[in-house]
Amino acid sequence: MIDFDAQGEIVGIEMVGQQEFSIRELIKQIPVEASDAVLNNARYVAADLQAA
């Protein structure tokens, strides 16, 4: 699942079942483009670490 803001920019990507991945490799699998600046600031946050 991909989450977008009001301007249509990606603000989140949700995945299930991945054990290991690279943000850059993940982006290659979906129909969006991301600049190096965006990818350099991207980070992984595990769902189990998020407040409900």
PDB file of N, CA and C in Angstrom:
ATOM      1  N   MET A   1       0.856  -1.165   0.000  1.00  0.00           N
ATOM      2  CA  MET A   1       0.000   0.000   0.000  1.00  0.00           C
ATOM      3  C   MET A   1       0.899   1.224   0.000  1.00  0.00           C
ATOM      4  N   ILE A   2       0.491   2.236  -0.741  1.00  0.00           N
ATOM      5  CA  ILE A   2       1.221   3.497  -0.802  1.00  0.00           C
ATOM      6  C   ILE A   2       0.306   4.591  -0.275  1.00  0.00           C
ATOM      7  N   ASP A   3       0.818   5.429   0.631  1.00  0.00           N
ATOM      8  CA  ASP A   3       0.057   6.545   1.184  1.00  0.00           C
ATOM      9  C   ASP A   3       0.548   7.839   0.549  1.00  0.00           C
ATOM     10  N   PHE A   4      -0.396   8.691   0.118  1.00  0.00           N
ATOM     11  CA  PHE A   4      -0.079   9.968  -0.520  1.00  0.00           C
ATOM     12  C   PHE A   4      -0.610  11.120   0.320  1.00  0.00           C
ATOM     13  N   ASP A   5       0.058  12.277   0.229  1.00  0.00           N
ATOM     14  CA  ASP A   5      -0.464  13.474   0.885  1.00  0.00           C
ATOM     15  C   ASP A   5      -1.429  14.195  -0.062  1.00  0.00           C
ATOM     16  N   ALA A   6      -1.939  15.350   0.343  1.00  0.00           N
ATOM     17  CA  ALA A   6      -2.928  16.082  -0.453  1.00  0.00           C
ATOM     18  C   ALA A   6      -2.383  16.534  -1.806  1.00  0.00           C
ATOM     19  N   GLN A   7      -1.068  16.683  -1.925  1.00  0.00           N
ATOM     20  CA  GLN A   7      -0.449  17.090  -3.186  1.00  0.00           C
ATOM     21  C   GLN A   7      -0.065  15.905  -4.066  1.00  0.00           C
ATOM     22  N   GLY A   8      -0.370  14.696  -3.610  1.00  0.00           N
ATOM     23  CA  GLY A   8      -0.050  13.507  -4.388  1.00  0.00           C
ATOM     24  C   GLY A   8       1.359  12.990  -4.181  1.00  0.00           C
ATOM     25  N   GLU A   9       2.062  13.507  -3.182  1.00  0.00           N
ATOM     26  CA  GLU A   9       3.414  13.046  -2.879  1.00  0.00           C
ATOM     27  C   GLU A   9       3.341  11.829  -1.954  1.00  0.00           C
ATOM     28  N   ILE A  10       4.250  10.896  -2.132  1.00  0.00           N
ATOM     29  CA  ILE A  10       4.285   9.701  -1.275  1.00  0.00           C
ATOM     30  C   ILE A  10       4.736  10.084   0.127  1.00  0.00           C
ATOM     31  N   VAL A  11       3.965   9.654   1.119  1.00  0.00           N
ATOM     32  CA  VAL A  11       4.346   9.866   2.508  1.00  0.00           C
ATOM     33  C   VAL A  11       4.558   8.550   3.246  1.00  0.00           C
ATOM     34  N   GLY A  12       4.154   7.445   2.626  1.00  0.00           N
ATOM     35  CA  GLY A  12       4.358   6.161   3.277  1.00  0.00           C
ATOM     36  C   GLY A  12       4.118   4.998   2.343  1.00  0.00           C
ATOM     37  N   ILE A  13       4.838   3.911   2.611  1.00  0.00           N
ATOM     38  CA  ILE A  13       4.666   2.662   1.879  1.00  0.00           C
ATOM     39  C   ILE A  13       4.537   1.567   2.922  1.00  0.00           C
ATOM     40  N   GLU A  14       3.508   0.755   2.789  1.00  0.00           N
ATOM     41  CA  GLU A  14       3.292  -0.331   3.737  1.00  0.00           C
ATOM     42  C   GLU A  14       3.459  -1.659   3.013  1.00  0.00           C
ATOM     43  N   MET A  15       4.178  -2.591   3.645  1.00  0.00           N
ATOM     44  CA  MET A  15       4.408  -3.910   3.062  1.00  0.00           C
ATOM     45  C   MET A  15       4.151  -4.971   4.120  1.00  0.00           C
ATOM     46  N   VAL A  16       3.817  -6.155   3.659  1.00  0.00           N
ATOM     47  CA  VAL A  16       3.616  -7.288   4.551  1.00  0.00           C
ATOM     48  C   VAL A  16       4.455  -8.445   4.031  1.00  0.00           C
ATOM     49  N   GLY A  17       5.134  -9.129   4.930  1.00  0.00           N
ATOM     50  CA  GLY A  17       5.838 -10.348   4.568  1.00  0.00           C
ATOM     51  C   GLY A  17       7.269 -10.187   4.107  1.00  0.00           C
ATOM     52  N   GLN A  18       7.771  -8.964   4.042  1.00  0.00           N
ATOM     53  CA  GLN A  18       9.151  -8.767   3.610  1.00  0.00           C
ATOM     54  C   GLN A  18      10.078  -8.996   4.804  1.00  0.00           C
ATOM     55  N   GLN A  19      11.102  -9.787   4.626  1.00  0.00           N
ATOM     56  CA  GLN A  19      12.082 -10.015   5.679  1.00  0.00           C
ATOM     57  C   GLN A  19      13.250  -9.042   5.554  1.00  0.00           C
ATOM     58  N   GLU A  20      13.586  -8.707   4.328  1.00  0.00           N
ATOM     59  CA  GLU A  20      14.722  -7.827   4.076  1.00  0.00           C
ATOM     60  C   GLU A  20      14.456  -7.086   2.773  1.00  0.00           C
ATOM     61  N   PHE A  21      14.800  -5.818   2.724  1.00  0.00           N
ATOM     62  CA  PHE A  21      14.573  -5.047   1.508  1.00  0.00           C
ATOM     63  C   PHE A  21      15.412  -3.789   1.525  1.00  0.00           C
ATOM     64  N   SER A  22      15.505  -3.164   0.382  1.00  0.00           N
ATOM     65  CA  SER A  22      16.165  -1.876   0.206  1.00  0.00           C
ATOM     66  C   SER A  22      15.089  -0.901  -0.270  1.00  0.00           C
ATOM     67  N   ILE A  23      15.083   0.304   0.257  1.00  0.00           N
ATOM     68  CA  ILE A  23      14.102   1.301  -0.171  1.00  0.00           C
ATOM     69  C   ILE A  23      14.210   1.530  -1.674  1.00  0.00           C
ATOM     70  N   ARG A  24      15.415   1.625  -2.193  1.00  0.00           N
ATOM     71  CA  ARG A  24      15.610   1.858  -3.628  1.00  0.00           C
ATOM     72  C   ARG A  24      15.072   0.692  -4.455  1.00  0.00           C
ATOM     73  N   GLU A  25      15.278  -0.535  -4.018  1.00  0.00           N
ATOM     74  CA  GLU A  25      14.755  -1.701  -4.742  1.00  0.00           C
ATOM     75  C   GLU A  25      13.232  -1.745  -4.651  1.00  0.00           C
ATOM     76  N   LEU A  26      12.688  -1.375  -3.522  1.00  0.00           N
ATOM     77  CA  LEU A  26      11.234  -1.344  -3.351  1.00  0.00           C
ATOM     78  C   LEU A  26      10.606  -0.356  -4.328  1.00  0.00           C
ATOM     79  N   ILE A  27      11.177   0.824  -4.452  1.00  0.00           N
ATOM     80  CA  ILE A  27      10.648   1.851  -5.349  1.00  0.00           C
ATOM     81  C   ILE A  27      10.638   1.367  -6.792  1.00  0.00           C
ATOM     82  N   LYS A  28      11.600   0.544  -7.171  1.00  0.00           N
ATOM     83  CA  LYS A  28      11.653   0.027  -8.540  1.00  0.00           C
ATOM     84  C   LYS A  28      10.445  -0.850  -8.862  1.00  0.00           C
ATOM     85  N   GLN A  29       9.791  -1.407  -7.843  1.00  0.00           N
ATOM     86  CA  GLN A  29       8.693  -2.345  -8.038  1.00  0.00           C
ATOM     87  C   GLN A  29       7.321  -1.671  -8.113  1.00  0.00           C
ATOM     88  N   ILE A  30       7.258  -0.362  -7.875  1.00  0.00           N
ATOM     89  CA  ILE A  30       5.970   0.314  -7.886  1.00  0.00           C
ATOM     90  C   ILE A  30       5.988   1.448  -8.921  1.00  0.00           C
ATOM     91  N   PRO A  31       4.822   1.830  -9.432  1.00  0.00           N
ATOM     92  CA  PRO A  31       4.761   2.816 -10.515  1.00  0.00           C
ATOM     93  C   PRO A  31       4.853   4.269 -10.044  1.00  0.00           C
ATOM     94  N   VAL A  32       5.929   4.610  -9.326  1.00  0.00           N
ATOM     95  CA  VAL A  32       6.170   5.995  -8.904  1.00  0.00           C
ATOM     96  C   VAL A  32       7.639   6.320  -9.113  1.00  0.00           C
ATOM     97  N   GLU A  33       7.934   7.605  -9.147  1.00  0.00           N
ATOM     98  CA  GLU A  33       9.314   8.049  -9.247  1.00  0.00           C
ATOM     99  C   GLU A  33       9.677   8.781  -7.967  1.00  0.00           C
ATOM    100  N   ALA A  34      10.907   8.619  -7.517  1.00  0.00           N
ATOM    101  CA  ALA A  34      11.378   9.306  -6.319  1.00  0.00           C
ATOM    102  C   ALA A  34      12.771   9.843  -6.591  1.00  0.00           C
ATOM    103  N   SER A  35      13.011  11.064  -6.178  1.00  0.00           N
ATOM    104  CA  SER A  35      14.320  11.678  -6.385  1.00  0.00           C
ATOM    105  C   SER A  35      15.333  11.101  -5.399  1.00  0.00           C
ATOM    106  N   ASP A  36      16.605  11.316  -5.693  1.00  0.00           N
ATOM    107  CA  ASP A  36      17.655  10.877  -4.773  1.00  0.00           C
ATOM    108  C   ASP A  36      17.498  11.554  -3.418  1.00  0.00           C
ATOM    109  N   ALA A  37      17.082  12.828  -3.421  1.00  0.00           N
ATOM    110  CA  ALA A  37      16.892  13.542  -2.155  1.00  0.00           C
ATOM    111  C   ALA A  37      15.843  12.847  -1.290  1.00  0.00           C
ATOM    112  N   VAL A  38      14.743  12.428  -1.907  1.00  0.00           N
ATOM    113  CA  VAL A  38      13.687  11.725  -1.165  1.00  0.00           C
ATOM    114  C   VAL A  38      14.203  10.383  -0.665  1.00  0.00           C
ATOM    115  N   LEU A  39      14.863   9.631  -1.535  1.00  0.00           N
ATOM    116  CA  LEU A  39      15.363   8.310  -1.138  1.00  0.00           C
ATOM    117  C   LEU A  39      16.432   8.411  -0.058  1.00  0.00           C
ATOM    118  N   ASN A  40      17.246   9.446  -0.108  1.00  0.00           N
ATOM    119  CA  ASN A  40      18.277   9.626   0.919  1.00  0.00           C
ATOM    120  C   ASN A  40      17.676   9.921   2.278  1.00  0.00           C
ATOM    121  N   ASN A  41      16.477  10.502   2.308  1.00  0.00           N
ATOM    122  CA  ASN A  41      15.808  10.805   3.575  1.00  0.00           C
ATOM    123  C   ASN A  41      14.827   9.724   4.000  1.00  0.00           C
ATOM    124  N   ALA A  42      14.612   8.727   3.157  1.00  0.00           N
ATOM    125  CA  ALA A  42      13.666   7.649   3.480  1.00  0.00           C
ATOM    126  C   ALA A  42      14.204   6.827   4.642  1.00  0.00           C
ATOM    127  N   ARG A  43      13.283   6.313   5.446  1.00  0.00           N
ATOM    128  CA  ARG A  43      13.696   5.467   6.559  1.00  0.00           C
ATOM    129  C   ARG A  43      12.667   4.361   6.762  1.00  0.00           C
ATOM    130  N   TYR A  44      13.113   3.305   7.380  1.00  0.00           N
ATOM    131  CA  TYR A  44      12.252   2.158   7.679  1.00  0.00           C
ATOM    132  C   TYR A  44      11.790   2.272   9.131  1.00  0.00           C
ATOM    133  N   VAL A  45      10.497   2.122   9.348  1.00  0.00           N
ATOM    134  CA  VAL A  45       9.938   2.095  10.692  1.00  0.00           C
ATOM    135  C   VAL A  45       9.043   0.867  10.791  1.00  0.00           C
ATOM    136  N   ALA A  46       9.387  -0.048  11.654  1.00  0.00           N
ATOM    137  CA  ALA A  46       8.605  -1.279  11.822  1.00  0.00           C
ATOM    138  C   ALA A  46       7.245  -0.952  12.429  1.00  0.00           C
ATOM    139  N   ALA A  47       6.209  -1.610  11.942  1.00  0.00           N
ATOM    140  CA  ALA A  47       4.852  -1.368  12.425  1.00  0.00           C
ATOM    141  C   ALA A  47       4.719  -1.657  13.916  1.00  0.00           C
ATOM    142  N   ASP A  48       5.451  -2.637  14.414  1.00  0.00           N
ATOM    143  CA  ASP A  48       5.323  -2.972  15.840  1.00  0.00           C
ATOM    144  C   ASP A  48       5.950  -1.924  16.744  1.00  0.00           C
ATOM    145  N   LEU A  49       6.642  -0.941  16.175  1.00  0.00           N
ATOM    146  CA  LEU A  49       7.223   0.135  16.963  1.00  0.00           C
ATOM    147  C   LEU A  49       6.332   1.373  17.006  1.00  0.00           C
ATOM    148  N   GLN A  50       5.224   1.350  16.271  1.00  0.00           N
ATOM    149  CA  GLN A  50       4.324   2.494  16.170  1.00  0.00           C
ATOM    150  C   GLN A  50       3.254   2.443  17.257  1.00  0.00           C
ATOM    151  N   ALA A  51       2.919   3.604  17.778  1.00  0.00           N
ATOM    152  CA  ALA A  51       1.821   3.689  18.753  1.00  0.00           C
ATOM    153  C   ALA A  51       0.507   3.435  18.048  1.00  0.00           C
ATOM    154  N   ALA A  52      -0.384   2.743  18.701  1.00  0.00           N
ATOM    155  CA  ALA A  52      -1.688   2.423  18.109  1.00  0.00           C
ATOM    156  C   ALA A  52      -2.629   3.581  18.168  1.00  0.00           C
TER     157      ALA A  52
END
